[in-house]
Protein backbone atom coordinates (compact mmCIF):
# COMPACT_ATOMS: atom_id res chain seq x y z
CA GLY A 1 -0.15 0.27 0.12
CA ASN A 2 2.71 2.18 0.40
CA GLU A 3 3.26 4.20 -2.67
CA ARG A 4 6.62 5.73 -2.41
CA PHE A 5 8.95 3.14 -4.68
CA ALA A 6 11.63 1.31 -3.69
CA LEU A 7 13.67 1.68 -6.67
CA ARG A 8 13.61 4.59 -8.54
CA GLY A 9 14.80 4.81 -13.04
CA VAL A 10 17.81 2.27 -12.00
CA ASP A 11 19.65 1.56 -14.99
CA LEU A 12 21.59 -0.97 -14.95
CA LEU A 13 24.56 -3.16 -16.73
CA LEU A 14 25.59 -6.27 -16.12
CA GLU A 15 28.89 -6.76 -18.10
CA SER A 16 28.72 -10.77 -18.86
CA GLY A 17 31.87 -11.49 -17.08
CA SER A 18 32.33 -8.52 -15.20
CA ARG A 19 32.42 -8.77 -11.02
CA THR A 20 29.76 -5.63 -9.83
CA ALA A 21 29.94 -4.43 -5.84
CA VAL A 22 26.40 -2.53 -4.96
CA VAL A 23 27.27 -0.32 -2.34
CA GLY A 24 24.26 2.23 -0.19
CA PRO A 25 23.30 2.71 3.20
CA THR A 26 20.66 1.43 4.95
CA GLY A 27 17.62 1.94 2.96
CA ALA A 28 19.31 2.83 0.24
CA GLY A 29 17.37 -0.45 -2.19
CA LYS A 30 19.89 -3.00 -2.08
CA SER A 31 18.14 -6.80 -1.11
CA THR A 32 15.01 -4.72 -2.95
CA LEU A 33 17.63 -5.00 -6.85
CA VAL A 34 18.41 -8.38 -5.13
CA ASN A 35 14.88 -9.71 -4.89
CA LEU A 36 13.46 -7.70 -8.43
CA ILE A 37 16.80 -10.15 -10.42
CA MET A 38 15.91 -13.68 -8.64
CA ARG A 39 12.27 -12.69 -9.46
CA PHE A 40 11.20 -12.68 -5.83
CA LEU A 41 9.37 -9.88 -6.33
CA GLU A 42 7.43 -8.63 -9.18
CA ALA A 43 8.05 -4.89 -10.76
CA ARG A 44 5.60 -2.84 -11.39
CA GLU A 45 7.63 -0.57 -14.24
CA GLY A 46 10.32 -1.81 -16.36
CA THR A 47 11.68 -4.60 -17.81
CA ILE A 48 14.96 -6.38 -16.39
CA GLU A 49 16.41 -8.20 -19.19
CA ALA A 50 19.55 -11.06 -20.07
CA ASN A 51 21.30 -11.04 -22.99
CA GLY A 52 17.89 -9.10 -24.38
CA VAL A 53 15.38 -11.73 -23.24
CA PRO A 54 12.46 -10.28 -20.35
CA ILE A 55 13.44 -12.31 -17.37
CA ARG A 56 9.99 -11.87 -17.00
CA ASP A 57 8.94 -13.94 -20.15
CA LEU A 58 10.49 -16.54 -18.67
CA PRO A 59 9.08 -19.22 -15.22
CA ALA A 60 10.30 -17.81 -12.43
CA ARG A 61 11.88 -21.31 -11.75
CA ALA A 62 13.21 -21.56 -15.00
CA TRP A 63 15.21 -18.27 -14.96
CA ARG A 64 16.45 -19.54 -11.85
CA GLU A 65 18.22 -22.26 -12.74
CA TYR A 66 20.90 -19.88 -14.67
CA VAL A 67 21.40 -18.05 -11.10
CA ALA A 68 23.13 -18.47 -7.77
CA LEU A 69 22.94 -16.81 -5.03
CA VAL A 70 24.13 -16.38 -1.83
CA PRO A 71 22.94 -14.54 0.84
CA GLN A 72 23.96 -13.03 4.31
CA ARG A 73 22.10 -15.66 6.10
CA PRO A 74 21.87 -18.74 4.24
CA HIS A 75 18.66 -20.81 4.89
CA LEU A 76 19.86 -25.05 5.88
CA PHE A 77 16.97 -27.22 7.23
CA TYR A 78 17.34 -30.05 9.14
CA ASP A 79 18.68 -32.63 6.82
CA SER A 80 22.77 -34.22 6.38
CA VAL A 81 25.86 -31.45 5.28
CA LEU A 82 25.66 -33.79 2.45
CA GLU A 83 21.79 -32.90 1.00
CA ASN A 84 21.54 -29.43 2.45
CA ILE A 85 24.79 -28.90 -0.38
CA ARG A 86 22.81 -31.64 -3.15
CA LEU A 87 19.92 -28.67 -3.10
CA GLY A 88 22.64 -26.76 -5.48
CA HIS A 89 22.07 -30.11 -7.84
CA PRO A 90 19.64 -32.42 -6.87
CA SER A 91 20.48 -35.31 -8.53
CA ALA A 92 24.70 -34.37 -8.23
CA SER A 93 26.71 -37.50 -6.98
CA ARG A 94 28.91 -37.58 -3.75
CA ALA A 95 32.01 -37.32 -5.15
CA GLU A 96 30.23 -34.08 -6.78
CA VAL A 97 29.57 -32.75 -4.04
CA GLU A 98 32.80 -33.29 -2.00
CA ARG A 99 34.01 -31.21 -4.70
CA ALA A 100 31.87 -28.45 -4.41
CA ALA A 101 32.45 -28.58 -1.27
CA GLU A 102 36.85 -28.91 -1.40
CA LEU A 103 36.63 -25.56 -4.07
CA ALA A 104 34.02 -23.63 -1.15
CA ALA A 105 37.23 -24.83 1.55
CA ALA A 106 33.77 -26.60 3.69
CA ALA A 107 36.03 -30.23 3.61
CA GLU A 108 38.22 -30.26 5.74
CA PHE A 109 35.71 -29.01 9.08
CA ILE A 110 32.69 -31.40 7.40
CA ARG A 111 35.39 -34.59 7.79
CA GLN A 112 35.15 -33.60 11.73
CA LEU A 113 32.25 -33.52 12.37
CA PRO A 114 30.75 -37.00 13.93
CA ASP A 115 29.08 -38.27 10.11
CA GLY A 116 30.90 -36.65 7.93
CA TYR A 117 29.21 -35.40 4.71
CA ASP A 118 25.92 -37.52 6.58
CA THR A 119 25.85 -35.45 9.95
CA HIS A 120 22.58 -33.78 10.29
CA ILE A 121 23.12 -29.85 11.22
CA GLY A 122 19.58 -29.53 12.83
CA GLU A 123 17.72 -27.08 11.92
CA GLU A 124 18.87 -23.85 10.35
CA GLY A 125 21.79 -25.20 10.35
CA ALA A 126 22.05 -25.29 14.66
CA ARG A 127 25.34 -26.98 14.92
CA LEU A 128 28.07 -25.64 12.76
CA SER A 129 29.07 -21.37 13.22
CA ALA A 130 28.60 -18.97 11.12
CA GLY A 131 31.71 -19.37 8.53
CA GLU A 132 30.74 -23.13 8.16
CA ALA A 133 27.07 -22.16 7.68
CA GLN A 134 28.08 -19.92 4.83
CA ARG A 135 30.65 -22.06 3.03
CA VAL A 136 28.07 -24.33 2.86
CA ALA A 137 25.99 -22.40 1.41
CA LEU A 138 29.55 -21.84 -0.79
CA ALA A 139 29.14 -25.48 -1.54
CA ARG A 140 25.66 -25.53 -2.99
CA ALA A 141 26.66 -22.34 -5.15
CA PHE A 142 29.73 -24.48 -6.56
CA LEU A 143 27.83 -27.84 -7.95
CA LYS A 144 24.62 -25.60 -8.83
CA ASN A 145 27.74 -24.19 -11.17
CA ALA A 146 24.89 -21.07 -12.91
CA PRO A 147 26.84 -18.68 -15.02
CA PHE A 148 25.94 -15.70 -12.80
CA LEU A 149 26.66 -15.29 -8.56
CA ILE A 150 24.74 -12.81 -6.75
CA LEU A 151 26.57 -12.58 -3.73
CA ASP A 152 25.01 -11.23 -0.50
CA GLU A 153 28.64 -10.45 1.31
CA PRO A 154 29.44 -13.41 3.29
CA THR A 155 32.24 -12.54 5.16
CA SER A 156 30.22 -9.67 8.05
CA SER A 157 30.70 -10.68 11.88
CA LEU A 158 33.09 -13.71 10.77
CA ASP A 159 36.20 -14.26 13.34
CA PRO A 160 39.77 -13.16 11.08
CA GLU A 161 39.99 -16.63 10.00
CA SER A 162 36.46 -18.08 8.08
CA GLU A 163 36.81 -15.25 6.58
CA ARG A 164 40.13 -15.52 4.17
CA LEU A 165 38.40 -18.65 4.20
CA ILE A 166 34.96 -16.95 2.00
CA ARG A 167 37.01 -14.81 1.29
CA LEU A 168 39.24 -17.43 -1.45
CA ALA A 169 36.29 -19.19 -2.18
CA VAL A 170 34.18 -16.32 -3.09
CA GLU A 171 37.46 -15.45 -5.28
CA ARG A 172 37.06 -18.57 -6.61
CA LEU A 173 33.47 -18.68 -7.22
CA ALA A 174 32.89 -15.64 -9.17
CA GLU A 175 36.00 -16.78 -11.62
CA GLY A 176 34.22 -16.91 -15.32
CA ARG A 177 31.11 -15.79 -13.94
CA THR A 178 28.99 -12.46 -13.90
CA ALA A 179 28.84 -11.95 -10.68
CA LEU A 180 26.54 -8.50 -8.42
CA ILE A 181 28.16 -8.78 -4.55
CA VAL A 182 26.22 -6.90 -2.00
CA ALA A 183 29.02 -5.32 -0.53
CA HIS A 184 29.10 -4.60 2.98
CA ARG A 185 33.08 -4.18 3.39
CA LEU A 186 34.18 -1.40 1.23
CA ASN A 187 37.67 -3.78 0.52
CA THR A 188 35.39 -6.30 -1.18
CA ALA A 189 33.95 -3.18 -3.26
CA ARG A 190 37.71 -2.39 -3.84
CA GLY A 191 38.28 -5.75 -5.46
CA ALA A 192 35.32 -5.07 -7.84
CA ASP A 193 35.33 -4.35 -12.12
CA ARG A 194 33.06 -2.05 -11.28
CA ILE A 195 31.25 -0.38 -8.01
CA VAL A 196 27.43 0.63 -7.78
CA VAL A 197 26.14 3.54 -5.32
CA MET A 198 22.68 3.16 -4.22
CA GLU A 199 20.10 6.08 -1.86
CA ASP A 200 17.22 6.19 -1.45
CA GLY A 201 16.19 3.53 -4.22
CA ARG A 202 18.26 5.74 -7.42
CA VAL A 203 22.27 5.19 -8.53
CA VAL A 204 23.39 7.78 -7.40
CA GLU A 205 27.40 7.10 -9.28
CA ALA A 206 28.95 4.06 -10.91
CA GLY A 207 32.29 3.18 -11.64
CA VAL A 208 35.88 2.40 -10.14
CA HIS A 209 37.27 2.88 -6.39
CA GLU A 210 39.32 5.19 -7.16
CA ASP A 211 36.97 7.32 -9.17
CA LEU A 212 34.36 7.41 -7.00
CA LEU A 213 36.94 8.95 -3.85
CA ARG A 214 37.46 11.55 -6.16
CA CYS A 215 33.07 12.41 -7.52
CA CYS A 216 30.90 10.21 -5.27
CA ASP A 217 30.35 11.76 -1.44
CA LEU A 218 28.30 9.92 -0.23
CA TYR A 219 30.93 6.46 -1.63
CA VAL A 220 33.41 8.93 0.78
CA ARG A 221 30.89 8.82 3.20
CA LEU A 222 30.68 5.62 3.83
CA LEU A 223 34.09 4.46 2.92
CA GLY A 224 34.78 6.23 5.63
CA ALA A 225 31.78 4.94 8.73
CA ARG A 226 33.12 2.01 7.46
CA GLU A 227 36.95 2.32 8.55
CA ARG A 228 35.49 3.91 11.65
CA LEU A 229 33.36 0.96 12.33
CA SER A 230 36.23 -1.99 11.46
CA ALA A 231 39.04 -0.06 13.61
């Protein structure tokens, strides 16, 4: 019932094989953008296209086969580690699941669980730490092997070692894919091919880190605030 649009006049191109980071304050529209791309929400106006095809013309389930989403808080269900990873590709073999876990830096902690890959992890992954849960989510994405990757930065609020492992896994996962990263930490944004700065439902500036430091006051303020928070 709210007549205020969550996004207004957003014109954004994601080049094939590129890495785009989206930054902005709370309420800028970053989550809405992701939800629209995933078709969890449908736009009242405007069009989202993939290779020139409006995604609304595709069945939502078919479109999502081309997209791997790694949310900040992944959903894990009451089953084994194996089946939680296999959600990314339900017909995958055990060997394929184990290979995906290796790529996601998850294999070592999985082998230390009481029943390894057959260990039941509890409701919402209650038996796993936040970093372990994120690596299970990354393993799903490796297993799915979709060409388009959306990451709601998975390294927030983790211990340094978990953050290091996940950052390396994310680098491997993004290689050769078109990646959209909602960046909560500006050091993640610095490594992107392009940074999009959002505020109040609009794209206010886009460019590389060095250019934004010179021309975008909001980006400079975000950078300063987050560096103070991490100090």
